[in-house]
Protein backbone atom coordinates (compact mmCIF):
# COMPACT_ATOMS: atom_id res chain seq x y z
CA UNK A 1 86.68 104.15 116.62
CA UNK A 2 85.98 106.28 119.65
CA UNK A 3 82.41 105.67 120.84
CA UNK A 4 81.74 109.41 121.10
CA UNK A 5 82.35 109.88 117.36
CA UNK A 6 79.63 107.37 116.54
CA UNK A 7 77.36 108.80 119.23
CA UNK A 8 77.85 112.28 117.79
CA UNK A 9 76.77 111.06 114.36
CA UNK A 10 73.70 109.41 115.87
CA UNK A 11 72.80 112.58 117.73
CA UNK A 12 73.19 114.68 114.58
CA UNK A 13 70.93 112.32 112.67
CA UNK A 14 68.36 112.29 115.48
CA UNK A 15 68.19 116.09 115.26
CA UNK A 16 68.02 116.02 111.44
CA UNK A 17 71.25 118.04 111.28
CA UNK A 18 73.67 115.53 109.81
CA UNK A 19 73.68 117.31 106.45
CA UNK A 20 74.23 120.72 108.03
CA UNK A 21 77.15 119.36 110.07
CA UNK A 22 78.66 117.27 107.29
CA UNK A 23 81.79 119.43 107.25
CA UNK A 24 82.62 118.07 110.73
CA UNK A 25 82.33 114.39 109.78
CA UNK A 26 85.83 113.97 108.36
CA UNK A 27 87.31 115.40 111.55
CA UNK A 28 85.17 113.11 113.71
CA UNK A 29 86.29 110.03 111.84
CA UNK A 30 89.93 111.14 111.52
CA UNK A 31 90.26 111.74 115.26
CA UNK A 32 88.81 108.37 116.16
CA UNK A 33 91.36 106.27 118.00
CA UNK A 34 90.43 102.93 116.41
CA UNK A 35 89.39 104.00 112.94
CA UNK A 36 90.48 100.64 111.52
CA UNK A 37 87.60 98.85 113.30
CA UNK A 38 85.59 97.76 110.23
CA UNK A 39 82.39 96.91 112.12
CA UNK A 40 82.18 100.29 113.84
CA UNK A 41 83.19 102.17 110.70
CA UNK A 42 80.47 100.26 108.85
CA UNK A 43 77.92 101.48 111.39
CA UNK A 44 79.12 105.03 110.82
CA UNK A 45 78.77 104.43 107.09
CA UNK A 46 75.20 103.21 107.58
CA UNK A 47 74.36 106.48 109.31
CA UNK A 48 76.09 108.57 106.67
CA UNK A 49 74.60 106.63 103.75
CA UNK A 50 71.24 108.09 104.72
CA UNK A 51 72.23 111.71 104.17
CA UNK A 52 70.67 113.68 101.33
CA UNK A 53 73.51 114.76 99.01
CA UNK A 54 71.56 117.77 97.79
CA UNK A 55 71.02 119.02 101.33
CA UNK A 56 74.72 118.52 102.10
CA UNK A 57 75.68 120.55 99.02
CA UNK A 58 73.14 123.25 99.85
CA UNK A 59 74.84 123.69 103.22
CA UNK A 60 78.41 123.05 102.02
CA UNK A 61 78.63 123.67 98.26
CA UNK A 62 82.39 123.07 98.15
CA UNK A 63 82.07 119.46 99.37
CA UNK A 64 83.77 117.10 96.88
CA UNK A 65 81.30 114.58 95.45
CA UNK A 66 82.14 111.30 93.71
CA UNK A 67 79.54 109.29 91.82
CA UNK A 68 80.34 105.57 91.99
CA UNK A 69 78.48 102.95 89.97
CA UNK A 70 78.46 99.54 91.66
CA UNK A 71 77.66 96.24 89.97
CA UNK A 72 78.99 92.71 90.07
CA UNK A 73 78.50 88.98 90.01
CA UNK A 74 76.30 88.83 93.10
CA UNK A 75 74.93 91.05 95.88
CA UNK A 76 76.95 94.28 95.99
CA UNK A 77 74.82 96.68 98.05
CA UNK A 78 76.72 95.85 101.30
CA UNK A 79 79.77 97.74 99.99
CA UNK A 80 77.88 101.06 100.09
CA UNK A 81 78.06 101.57 103.85
CA UNK A 82 81.82 101.03 104.29
CA UNK A 83 82.58 102.98 101.10
CA UNK A 84 80.45 105.89 102.33
CA UNK A 85 82.39 105.94 105.60
CA UNK A 86 85.82 105.58 103.97
CA UNK A 87 85.17 108.47 101.59
CA UNK A 88 83.68 110.58 104.38
CA UNK A 89 86.92 110.14 106.33
CA UNK A 90 88.58 112.08 103.51
CA UNK A 91 85.83 114.71 103.26
CA UNK A 92 84.27 113.22 100.10
CA UNK A 93 80.53 112.70 99.65
CA UNK A 94 79.43 109.48 97.92
CA UNK A 95 76.66 109.27 95.35
CA UNK A 96 76.18 105.52 94.71
CA UNK A 97 74.48 104.07 91.61
CA UNK A 98 73.58 100.40 92.05
CA UNK A 99 73.24 98.01 89.12
CA UNK A 100 70.87 95.10 88.89
CA UNK A 101 71.62 91.99 90.94
CA UNK A 102 74.21 89.82 89.22
CA UNK A 103 73.78 91.67 85.91
CA UNK A 104 77.17 93.31 85.49
CA UNK A 105 77.50 92.31 81.83
CA UNK A 106 74.15 93.89 80.94
CA UNK A 107 74.81 96.89 83.20
CA UNK A 108 78.10 97.73 81.48
CA UNK A 109 77.80 96.52 77.89
CA UNK A 110 74.18 96.74 76.77
CA UNK A 111 73.24 100.14 75.34
CA UNK A 112 70.21 100.07 77.62
CA UNK A 113 72.27 98.93 80.59
CA UNK A 114 71.58 100.81 83.80
CA UNK A 115 75.20 101.91 84.29
CA UNK A 116 76.37 102.37 80.70
CA UNK A 117 77.34 106.02 80.27
CA UNK A 118 75.57 107.04 83.48
CA UNK A 119 78.04 109.86 84.18
CA UNK A 120 79.80 108.08 87.02
CA UNK A 121 83.31 109.03 88.14
CA UNK A 122 84.18 105.42 88.94
CA UNK A 123 82.63 102.01 88.26
CA UNK A 124 83.10 99.09 90.62
CA UNK A 125 82.49 95.61 89.20
CA UNK A 126 82.80 93.17 92.09
CA UNK A 127 83.81 89.67 91.04
CA UNK A 128 83.60 86.49 93.13
CA UNK A 129 84.14 82.76 92.63
CA UNK A 130 80.86 82.42 90.74
CA UNK A 131 82.37 84.57 87.98
CA UNK A 132 84.17 81.37 87.00
CA UNK A 133 82.32 78.51 88.69
CA UNK A 134 78.93 79.51 87.25
CA UNK A 135 80.42 78.32 83.94
CA UNK A 136 81.55 74.83 84.98
CA UNK A 137 79.40 71.67 84.70
CA UNK A 138 77.81 70.02 87.72
CA UNK A 139 80.57 67.44 87.86
CA UNK A 140 83.87 69.04 87.03
CA UNK A 141 87.64 68.73 86.84
CA UNK A 142 90.43 71.35 86.92
CA UNK A 143 90.45 71.49 83.10
CA UNK A 144 86.76 72.49 83.16
CA UNK A 145 87.62 75.36 85.47
CA UNK A 146 90.47 76.37 83.17
CA UNK A 147 88.06 76.61 80.22
CA UNK A 148 85.56 78.56 82.32
CA UNK A 149 88.28 80.94 83.53
CA UNK A 150 89.35 81.62 79.94
CA UNK A 151 85.75 82.38 78.99
CA UNK A 152 85.40 84.72 81.98
CA UNK A 153 88.59 86.57 81.03
CA UNK A 154 87.40 87.07 77.45
CA UNK A 155 84.07 88.37 78.72
CA UNK A 156 85.72 90.73 81.19
CA UNK A 157 87.96 92.09 78.42
CA UNK A 158 84.82 92.82 76.38
CA UNK A 159 83.18 94.47 79.39
CA UNK A 160 86.26 96.64 79.96
CA UNK A 161 86.36 97.69 76.30
CA UNK A 162 82.64 98.55 76.25
CA UNK A 163 83.00 100.52 79.47
CA UNK A 164 86.00 102.49 78.16
CA UNK A 165 84.04 103.37 75.04
CA UNK A 166 80.94 104.64 76.84
CA UNK A 167 82.02 105.92 80.26
CA UNK A 168 84.58 108.48 81.37
CA UNK A 169 85.68 107.18 84.77
CA UNK A 170 87.84 104.07 85.28
CA UNK A 171 86.46 100.56 85.72
CA UNK A 172 87.59 98.74 88.86
CA UNK A 173 87.78 94.94 88.90
CA UNK A 174 89.21 92.67 91.58
CA UNK A 175 91.03 89.39 91.85
CA UNK A 176 88.94 86.49 93.12
CA UNK A 177 89.81 84.43 96.21
CA UNK A 178 89.36 80.67 95.80
CA UNK A 179 87.04 79.42 98.57
CA UNK A 180 87.93 76.19 100.34
CA UNK A 181 84.38 75.00 99.70
CA UNK A 182 85.34 74.73 96.02
CA UNK A 183 88.98 73.62 96.19
CA UNK A 184 88.26 70.80 98.63
CA UNK A 185 85.57 69.29 96.48
CA UNK A 186 88.60 67.73 94.80
CA UNK A 187 89.78 64.88 96.99
CA UNK A 188 93.19 64.19 95.41
CA UNK A 189 95.97 66.62 96.16
CA UNK A 190 97.30 66.68 92.59
CA UNK A 191 93.96 67.87 91.21
CA UNK A 192 93.65 70.35 94.02
CA UNK A 193 97.10 71.73 93.19
CA UNK A 194 96.17 71.90 89.50
CA UNK A 195 93.06 73.91 90.39
CA UNK A 196 95.18 76.26 92.48
CA UNK A 197 97.51 76.84 89.53
CA UNK A 198 94.56 77.52 87.20
CA UNK A 199 93.10 79.97 89.70
CA UNK A 200 96.37 81.82 90.14
CA UNK A 201 96.73 82.08 86.36
CA UNK A 202 93.21 83.53 86.18
CA UNK A 203 93.98 86.15 88.81
CA UNK A 204 97.35 86.86 87.22
CA UNK A 205 95.67 87.61 83.89
CA UNK A 206 93.22 89.88 85.66
CA UNK A 207 96.08 91.80 87.25
CA UNK A 208 97.85 92.11 83.90
CA UNK A 209 94.77 93.89 82.52
CA UNK A 210 95.81 96.85 84.68
CA UNK A 211 98.97 97.26 82.60
CA UNK A 212 97.20 98.72 79.56
CA UNK A 213 96.69 102.50 79.44
CA UNK A 214 92.97 102.06 78.72
CA UNK A 215 92.65 98.97 80.91
CA UNK A 216 90.73 98.65 84.16
CA UNK A 217 92.13 99.12 87.63
CA UNK A 218 92.38 95.74 89.36
CA UNK A 219 92.40 95.56 93.15
CA UNK A 220 94.16 92.47 94.48
CA UNK A 221 92.05 90.91 97.24
CA UNK A 222 94.67 88.34 98.29
CA UNK A 223 96.57 90.73 100.64
CA UNK A 224 93.24 91.83 102.13
CA UNK A 225 92.12 88.26 102.77
CA UNK A 226 95.53 87.38 104.22
CA UNK A 227 95.28 90.22 106.72
CA UNK A 228 91.55 90.33 107.39
CA UNK A 229 90.21 86.79 107.53
CA UNK A 230 87.48 84.83 105.71
CA UNK A 231 86.19 85.68 102.25
CA UNK A 232 82.54 85.44 103.28
CA UNK A 233 79.98 84.30 105.79
CA UNK A 234 78.78 80.93 104.45
CA UNK A 235 75.15 81.57 105.42
CA UNK A 236 75.00 85.01 103.79
CA UNK A 237 76.76 83.67 100.71
CA UNK A 238 74.12 80.95 100.38
CA UNK A 239 70.92 82.79 101.34
CA UNK A 240 71.68 86.36 100.25
CA UNK A 241 74.23 85.70 97.48
CA UNK A 242 76.62 87.98 99.36
CA UNK A 243 79.75 86.11 98.36
CA UNK A 244 82.17 88.76 99.62
CA UNK A 245 81.80 89.18 103.37
CA UNK A 246 81.56 92.36 105.41
CA UNK A 247 85.20 92.43 106.67
CA UNK A 248 86.53 91.90 103.14
CA UNK A 249 84.21 94.54 101.67
CA UNK A 250 85.33 96.98 104.37
CA UNK A 251 88.98 96.43 103.41
CA UNK A 252 88.06 96.66 99.71
CA UNK A 253 86.19 99.94 100.34
CA UNK A 254 89.31 101.39 101.94
CA UNK A 255 91.34 100.51 98.83
CA UNK A 256 88.70 102.12 96.61
CA UNK A 257 88.77 105.27 98.76
CA UNK A 258 92.56 105.43 98.24
CA UNK A 259 91.98 105.22 94.48
CA UNK A 260 89.35 107.97 94.56
CA UNK A 261 91.69 110.15 96.58
CA UNK A 262 94.49 109.63 94.06
CA UNK A 263 92.23 110.34 91.07
CA UNK A 264 91.18 113.60 92.73
CA UNK A 265 94.79 114.72 93.04
CA UNK A 266 95.02 114.15 96.79
CA UNK A 267 98.02 111.83 96.83
CA UNK A 268 100.42 112.90 99.58
CA UNK A 269 104.03 113.75 98.75
CA UNK A 270 106.00 113.99 101.99
CA UNK A 271 106.34 111.72 105.04
CA UNK A 272 107.22 113.69 108.17
CA UNK A 273 108.62 111.42 110.88
CA UNK A 274 109.22 111.72 114.58
CA UNK A 275 112.49 110.11 115.78
CA UNK A 276 112.26 108.83 119.38
CA UNK A 277 110.17 105.62 119.54
CA UNK A 278 109.26 106.13 115.87
CA UNK A 279 112.46 105.64 113.87
CA UNK A 280 114.43 104.18 116.75
CA UNK A 281 113.94 102.65 120.18
CA UNK A 282 114.80 105.04 123.00
CA UNK A 283 114.94 108.79 123.73
CA UNK A 284 118.03 110.43 122.31
CA UNK A 285 118.06 113.44 124.66
CA UNK A 286 117.88 111.20 127.75
CA UNK A 287 119.88 108.11 126.76
CA UNK A 288 122.38 109.55 124.30
CA UNK A 289 123.66 108.10 121.05
CA UNK A 290 124.55 104.77 122.66
CA UNK A 291 121.12 104.40 124.26
CA UNK A 292 119.03 104.28 121.07
CA UNK A 293 118.64 101.20 118.85
CA UNK A 294 117.21 100.09 115.52
CA UNK A 295 118.82 96.65 115.55
CA UNK A 296 120.32 94.12 117.97
CA UNK A 297 117.18 93.46 120.04
CA UNK A 298 113.68 92.26 119.17
CA UNK A 299 112.29 95.77 119.63
CA UNK A 300 115.25 97.37 117.91
CA UNK A 301 114.86 95.08 114.89
CA UNK A 302 111.22 96.16 114.57
CA UNK A 303 112.35 99.79 114.25
CA UNK A 304 114.92 98.70 111.68
CA UNK A 305 112.17 97.04 109.63
CA UNK A 306 110.14 100.24 109.86
CA UNK A 307 113.11 102.24 108.56
CA UNK A 308 113.52 99.81 105.67
CA UNK A 309 109.87 100.27 104.67
CA UNK A 310 110.23 104.06 104.88
CA UNK A 311 113.26 103.75 102.61
CA UNK A 312 111.19 101.70 100.17
CA UNK A 313 108.61 104.51 100.02
CA UNK A 314 111.38 107.06 99.47
CA UNK A 315 112.74 105.02 96.55
CA UNK A 316 109.39 105.59 94.83
CA UNK A 317 109.50 109.37 95.19
CA UNK A 318 108.04 109.95 98.66
CA UNK A 319 109.90 112.86 100.23
CA UNK A 320 111.13 112.33 103.80
CA UNK A 321 111.35 114.92 106.56
CA UNK A 322 111.95 114.90 110.31
CA UNK A 323 109.93 116.58 113.06
CA UNK A 324 111.60 115.89 116.40
CA UNK A 325 111.92 117.33 119.88
CA UNK A 326 115.70 117.04 120.00
CA UNK A 327 118.69 119.28 119.48
CA UNK A 328 119.24 119.40 115.75
CA UNK A 329 122.95 118.59 115.89
CA UNK A 330 122.26 115.51 118.00
CA UNK A 331 119.48 114.32 115.65
CA UNK A 332 121.68 114.76 112.58
CA UNK A 333 124.56 112.96 114.31
CA UNK A 334 122.33 110.02 115.24
CA UNK A 335 121.03 109.68 111.70
CA UNK A 336 124.45 110.19 110.19
CA UNK A 337 126.66 108.06 112.44
CA UNK A 338 124.66 105.50 114.44
CA UNK A 339 125.48 102.00 113.12
CA UNK A 340 121.87 100.75 113.39
CA UNK A 341 120.37 103.35 111.08
CA UNK A 342 119.12 102.24 107.66
CA UNK A 343 118.09 105.83 106.96
CA UNK A 344 120.73 108.56 107.00
CA UNK A 345 120.45 112.32 107.37
CA UNK A 346 121.04 112.72 103.62
CA UNK A 347 117.85 110.73 102.93
CA UNK A 348 115.75 113.55 104.38
CA UNK A 349 114.74 116.59 102.35
CA UNK A 350 114.31 118.58 105.59
CA UNK A 351 115.18 118.00 109.26
CA UNK A 352 113.24 120.06 111.79
CA UNK A 353 114.64 119.25 115.22
CA UNK A 354 114.26 121.67 118.13
CA UNK A 355 112.04 122.17 121.13
CA UNK A 356 109.35 124.15 119.36
CA UNK A 357 105.83 122.95 118.51
CA UNK A 358 105.60 120.24 115.89
CA UNK A 359 102.83 122.00 114.02
CA UNK A 360 105.44 124.69 113.36
CA UNK A 361 107.78 122.00 112.05
CA UNK A 362 105.18 120.90 109.51
CA UNK A 363 104.59 124.44 108.31
CA UNK A 364 108.35 124.89 107.89
CA UNK A 365 108.68 121.62 105.96
CA UNK A 366 105.86 122.59 103.58
CA UNK A 367 107.33 126.03 103.00
CA UNK A 368 110.84 124.70 102.44
CA UNK A 369 109.69 122.06 99.94
CA UNK A 370 107.21 124.36 98.21
CA UNK A 371 104.24 122.05 98.78
CA UNK A 372 100.93 122.47 100.58
CA UNK A 373 100.36 121.19 104.09
CA UNK A 374 97.76 118.87 102.54
CA UNK A 375 100.67 117.00 100.93
CA UNK A 376 102.11 115.99 104.34
CA UNK A 377 101.73 112.78 106.36
CA UNK A 378 102.84 113.19 109.98
CA UNK A 379 103.87 110.08 111.94
CA UNK A 380 104.43 110.12 115.71
CA UNK A 381 104.02 107.80 118.68
CA UNK A 382 102.72 110.56 120.96
CA UNK A 383 98.93 110.93 121.16
CA UNK A 384 99.36 114.48 122.45
CA UNK A 385 101.61 115.52 119.55
CA UNK A 386 99.22 113.94 117.05
CA UNK A 387 96.28 115.79 118.57
CA UNK A 388 98.15 119.12 118.45
CA UNK A 389 99.09 118.62 114.82
CA UNK A 390 95.48 117.72 113.93
CA UNK A 391 94.35 120.99 115.48
CA UNK A 392 97.21 123.16 114.20
CA UNK A 393 97.62 121.71 110.70
CA UNK A 394 94.25 120.06 109.94
CA UNK A 395 95.11 119.54 106.27
CA UNK A 396 97.98 117.17 107.14
CA UNK A 397 97.28 113.46 107.51
CA UNK A 398 98.22 112.11 110.94
CA UNK A 399 99.34 108.54 111.64
CA UNK A 400 99.41 107.70 115.34
CA UNK A 401 101.80 104.92 116.31
CA UNK A 402 101.82 103.27 119.72
CA UNK A 403 104.32 101.49 121.95
CA UNK A 404 104.39 98.32 119.84
CA UNK A 405 106.97 98.84 117.06
CA UNK A 406 105.99 95.59 115.35
CA UNK A 407 102.77 97.36 114.33
CA UNK A 408 104.45 100.51 112.97
CA UNK A 409 104.57 99.26 109.37
CA UNK A 410 100.92 98.22 109.18
CA UNK A 411 99.79 101.50 110.76
CA UNK A 412 101.87 103.50 108.29
CA UNK A 413 100.61 101.62 105.24
CA UNK A 414 96.97 101.00 106.11
CA UNK A 415 95.67 104.29 104.73
CA UNK A 416 97.58 104.29 101.46
CA UNK A 417 98.42 107.98 101.66
CA UNK A 418 100.96 107.74 98.84
CA UNK A 419 98.93 105.44 96.56
CA UNK A 420 98.73 106.51 92.91
CA UNK A 421 97.34 104.86 89.75
CA UNK A 422 100.83 104.42 88.29
CA UNK A 423 104.42 105.31 89.11
CA UNK A 424 106.60 107.23 86.68
CA UNK A 425 110.31 107.88 86.41
CA UNK A 426 109.47 111.46 87.37
CA UNK A 427 108.26 110.10 90.73
CA UNK A 428 111.41 108.08 91.30
CA UNK A 429 113.49 111.15 90.51
CA UNK A 430 111.66 113.42 92.95
CA UNK A 431 114.29 113.41 95.68
CA UNK A 432 117.03 114.45 93.25
CA UNK A 433 114.83 117.26 91.96
CA UNK A 434 114.18 118.61 95.45
CA UNK A 435 117.90 118.66 96.15
CA UNK A 436 118.28 120.63 92.90
CA UNK A 437 115.56 122.96 94.12
CA UNK A 438 117.60 123.60 97.28
CA UNK A 439 120.45 124.78 95.05
CA UNK A 440 118.04 127.07 93.21
CA UNK A 441 117.03 128.61 96.51
CA UNK A 442 120.68 129.25 97.30
CA UNK A 443 121.06 131.00 93.94
CA UNK A 444 117.96 133.08 94.63
CA UNK A 445 119.42 134.24 97.94
CA UNK A 446 122.72 135.19 96.30
CA UNK A 447 121.13 136.94 93.32
CA UNK A 448 120.68 140.69 93.62
CA UNK A 449 117.17 140.81 92.16
CA UNK A 450 114.49 138.44 90.93
CA UNK A 451 115.49 139.34 87.37
CA UNK A 452 119.12 138.46 88.11
CA UNK A 453 118.05 135.11 89.53
CA UNK A 454 115.88 134.22 86.52
CA UNK A 455 118.59 135.26 84.07
CA UNK A 456 121.26 133.25 85.90
CA UNK A 457 118.97 130.21 86.12
CA UNK A 458 119.17 129.62 82.36
CA UNK A 459 115.70 128.12 81.84
CA UNK A 460 115.20 126.13 78.65
CA UNK A 461 111.87 124.72 77.49
CA UNK A 462 111.01 122.07 74.95
CA UNK A 463 107.39 122.27 73.73
CA UNK A 464 105.39 119.99 71.50
CA UNK A 465 103.27 116.84 71.40
CA UNK A 466 103.89 114.21 74.07
CA UNK A 467 105.86 111.03 73.56
CA UNK A 468 103.93 107.78 74.04
CA UNK A 469 105.91 106.87 77.17
CA UNK A 470 104.87 110.17 78.81
CA UNK A 471 101.14 109.44 78.97
CA UNK A 472 101.25 108.12 82.54
CA UNK A 473 103.21 111.20 83.64
CA UNK A 474 100.70 113.56 81.96
CA UNK A 475 97.76 111.82 83.63
CA UNK A 476 99.56 112.09 86.95
CA UNK A 477 100.26 115.79 86.35
CA UNK A 478 96.57 116.49 85.77
CA UNK A 479 95.55 114.44 88.82
CA UNK A 480 98.06 115.90 91.26
CA UNK A 481 98.21 119.52 90.13
CA UNK A 482 95.89 121.77 92.11
CA UNK A 483 97.29 125.30 92.30
CA UNK A 484 97.87 125.68 88.55
CA UNK A 485 95.06 123.50 87.22
CA UNK A 486 93.29 126.34 85.42
CA UNK A 487 89.96 124.64 84.71
CA UNK A 488 90.14 122.17 87.62
CA UNK A 489 89.83 119.06 85.44
CA UNK A 490 91.80 115.82 85.67
CA UNK A 491 92.49 113.12 83.09
CA UNK A 492 92.96 109.39 83.32
CA UNK A 493 95.76 107.72 81.39
CA UNK A 494 93.22 106.42 78.86
CA UNK A 495 91.89 109.95 78.30
CA UNK A 496 95.43 111.24 77.83
CA UNK A 497 96.06 108.54 75.24
CA UNK A 498 92.90 109.55 73.35
CA UNK A 499 93.74 113.25 73.46
CA UNK A 500 97.35 112.62 72.38
CA UNK A 501 96.16 110.61 69.39
CA UNK A 502 93.86 113.44 68.23
CA UNK A 503 91.08 110.87 67.81
CA UNK A 504 88.55 113.08 69.58
CA UNK A 505 89.59 116.27 67.77
CA UNK A 506 91.63 117.65 70.64
CA UNK A 507 95.28 118.72 70.67
CA UNK A 508 97.59 117.93 73.58
CA UNK A 509 100.85 119.83 73.99
CA UNK A 510 103.41 119.44 76.76
CA UNK A 511 106.40 121.37 78.05
CA UNK A 512 109.64 119.96 79.43
CA UNK A 513 111.96 122.15 81.48
CA UNK A 514 115.67 122.23 82.28
CA UNK A 515 118.05 124.79 83.76
CA UNK A 516 121.61 125.02 85.07
CA UNK A 517 120.75 122.73 88.00
CA UNK A 518 119.32 119.90 85.94
CA UNK A 519 116.38 118.51 84.03
CA UNK A 520 112.97 118.93 85.65
CA UNK A 521 111.26 116.71 83.07
CA UNK A 522 107.69 117.14 81.87
CA UNK A 523 106.17 119.96 83.94
CA UNK A 524 103.13 121.23 82.02
CA UNK A 525 100.40 120.50 79.50
CA UNK A 526 97.81 122.35 77.43
CA UNK A 527 94.66 120.67 76.13
CA UNK A 528 92.88 122.48 73.30
CA UNK A 529 90.36 121.95 70.52
CA UNK A 530 90.23 123.59 67.09
CA UNK A 531 86.84 124.99 66.03
CA UNK A 532 87.18 126.58 62.57
CA UNK A 533 89.48 129.56 63.11
CA UNK A 534 89.14 129.52 66.89
CA UNK A 535 91.43 127.64 69.28
CA UNK A 536 89.45 126.55 72.36
CA UNK A 537 91.80 126.02 75.31
CA UNK A 538 90.16 123.51 77.64
CA UNK A 539 92.82 123.52 80.34
CA UNK A 540 96.38 124.36 81.26
CA UNK A 541 98.34 122.47 83.92
CA UNK A 542 101.71 123.40 85.36
CA UNK A 543 103.62 121.67 88.13
CA UNK A 544 103.83 123.76 91.29
CA UNK A 545 107.57 123.18 91.47
CA UNK A 546 108.27 125.46 88.47
CA UNK A 547 105.82 128.29 89.13
CA UNK A 548 106.97 131.92 89.07
CA UNK A 549 109.72 131.38 86.51
CA UNK A 550 107.84 132.58 83.42
CA UNK A 551 107.40 129.02 82.15
CA UNK A 552 103.61 129.13 81.89
CA UNK A 553 103.74 132.41 79.93
CA UNK A 554 106.42 131.12 77.56
CA UNK A 555 104.62 127.81 77.03
CA UNK A 556 101.25 129.35 76.19
CA UNK A 557 102.87 131.97 73.94
CA UNK A 558 104.46 129.12 72.01
CA UNK A 559 101.10 127.31 71.71
CA UNK A 560 99.40 130.50 70.47
CA UNK A 561 102.11 131.13 67.92
CA UNK A 562 101.64 127.64 66.49
CA UNK A 563 97.87 128.19 66.42
CA UNK A 564 98.28 131.42 64.46
CA UNK A 565 100.62 129.68 62.07
CA UNK A 566 97.95 127.03 61.41
CA UNK A 567 95.34 129.67 60.51
CA UNK A 568 93.64 130.42 63.84
CA UNK A 569 92.61 134.05 64.33
CA UNK A 570 91.16 133.90 67.84
CA UNK A 571 91.53 131.91 71.05
CA UNK A 572 89.04 131.23 73.84
CA UNK A 573 89.97 129.96 77.29
CA UNK A 574 88.35 129.40 80.66
CA UNK A 575 89.17 129.53 84.32
CA UNK A 576 86.99 127.40 86.60
CA UNK A 577 87.63 128.34 90.20
CA UNK A 578 88.30 125.53 92.67
CA UNK A 579 89.28 125.59 96.32
CA UNK A 580 92.98 125.63 95.39
CA UNK A 581 93.51 127.21 91.96
CA UNK A 582 92.81 130.86 92.73
CA UNK A 583 96.42 131.63 91.83
CA UNK A 584 95.62 130.77 88.20
CA UNK A 585 92.73 133.26 87.98
CA UNK A 586 94.96 136.03 86.58
CA UNK A 587 96.83 133.83 84.14
CA UNK A 588 94.87 134.59 80.99
CA UNK A 589 94.38 138.33 81.72
CA UNK A 590 98.15 138.63 82.23
CA UNK A 591 98.59 137.45 78.64
CA UNK A 592 96.19 139.93 77.09
CA UNK A 593 92.97 137.91 77.26
CA UNK A 594 89.75 139.84 77.84
CA UNK A 595 87.00 138.55 80.10
CA UNK A 596 83.75 138.08 78.14
CA UNK A 597 81.55 136.21 80.61
CA UNK A 598 81.43 135.10 84.22
CA UNK A 599 78.97 132.63 85.62
CA UNK A 600 79.27 131.06 89.07
CA UNK A 601 82.81 129.62 89.22
CA UNK A 602 83.49 129.78 85.47
CA UNK A 603 85.04 132.74 83.63
CA UNK A 604 85.50 132.85 79.84
CA UNK A 605 88.34 134.82 78.21
CA UNK A 606 89.13 135.61 74.58
CA UNK A 607 91.90 137.32 72.63
CA UNK A 608 92.80 137.69 68.99
CA UNK A 609 96.01 136.38 67.50
CA UNK A 610 97.08 139.50 65.66
CA UNK A 611 99.88 139.68 68.18
CA UNK A 612 101.35 136.97 70.40
CA UNK A 613 102.36 137.45 74.06
CA UNK A 614 106.09 137.95 74.40
CA UNK A 615 108.18 135.07 75.68
CA UNK A 616 110.08 136.22 78.81
CA UNK A 617 113.64 137.22 77.90
CA UNK A 618 115.21 134.79 80.38
CA UNK A 619 113.46 131.73 78.85
CA UNK A 620 114.58 129.90 75.74
CA UNK A 621 111.95 127.82 73.92
CA UNK A 622 112.35 125.20 71.24
CA UNK A 623 109.84 122.96 69.51
CA UNK A 624 110.48 119.24 69.60
CA UNK A 625 108.58 118.84 66.33
CA UNK A 626 110.30 121.58 64.32
CA UNK A 627 113.57 121.75 66.28
CA UNK A 628 113.43 125.53 66.38
CA UNK A 629 114.60 127.71 69.24
CA UNK A 630 113.45 131.17 70.25
CA UNK A 631 114.84 133.53 72.85
């Protein structure tokens, strides 16, 4: 990290103005040249951990806050500083709740436990080797460890179930590295190998716990240890029971920050790439098509590996775009015809190549794809270009590469910009859908009027309860949707499963959309609760990609008609204003709802069900439960 960023934080604290200037912290940390220096970032976290959250919110009431409960097998307080810094890098304020030392079972399962139902957004339960070895006898064999591991797994399953029952936010566990100080107590290699197999089975079962909808999130520490070094400092592990060391906790905190970001709907959608010295070795405008390389030399092969990794991201739904200072025809020709290229021009949803400013490229990409600039990740090897984009498009994430292409992959992946709790088929299909959207834009340009366009589009909706396999997609919709998230709430997959089952008295309805250009899949959801003859609408979500086609009006009209048919006479709804959902403020009034109260950011609307809002004439709706269609 740049020294002046840390010095600035120290100066702000010395003048008791760190809270007042908290809105500048994310920029300070984001602009730091060596932000992956865990020791320096930890020092920044130590400064920031001392801020008063209430004073920050008094100065900056829109600051996102996340309350994180932290417990575990041993000393866990050292994770607070790096987690504070990692969240601050993304503009999020941490409120930590610490459990009792080594008392994670009591903290999370006992009705009087400190962290049971404490209102946290996220619960971290840090596990270490003592989670298993505390259960083995003084003199032991691999089979003793196997029995202890099985006991630990059963206990952790009970902890996860108790947590899910009492607390809203997800529980985060971790795999456990096997310290050499334990494995090498066994002197014969066969026993040592048997212990290794037992340990891998234990960690494998932990990871499989993530597969259940209501299961915990499990962070795998093995890749972090492989990249970052030792599990702990032996002296601190012995004297302070800090069995996960500072470098490992710093890497773990970064992974947790990625999870928090994803749960808050801040997963990025589009990777915007420079070309020269980013996707290939060489400068196209100076050296021509024959002078660039992504294979054939050591440096060229490194660029080829980078392209392969970018292609792997694209296969999981990450949109690709180009921002390059080159003539467009030359850039397209290089991508389309050069034999070294693993990525082709058709892999990119948008190619911006000219001699204009790159911040303009990013704005054009966002507009063309219909996404916000906060959904973009810009990658370039030029420090000057990165600095200009940070100033001109501050919402975009910026990844600065350098002259060593072997490091491109690790720099691209280290901040997990595209991380999400789960991947759906809707994600994998994203590139096809954006190509379909390009064809819709062509139709819109050819159509005489907006009404002509909507009529020619042939929109068909299917409304009704969700299928079981759609729960991950619904959770993702609520987490990623910002502009048309009417009440600003988000659901985990476990909460979706509960709502879909009706076990908590709520009703979950979804809408799927198709038109002449293809199937857009599940694009919206309504969560409601029946109270006597009143339908209480808790929230409405609609994917940004289908806004302004009458889908939200048709969907809600269908929901209201079903409510009237079941005996409801009135409906209540709410709009809770967030930084990004102002567009949804007029949704309920446009459908005949009357405002009855307004307090701070929350507005309550009501309407009777004597009449139902009309479904737009260009939309056809059918129910997947009754199989009926309406025009």
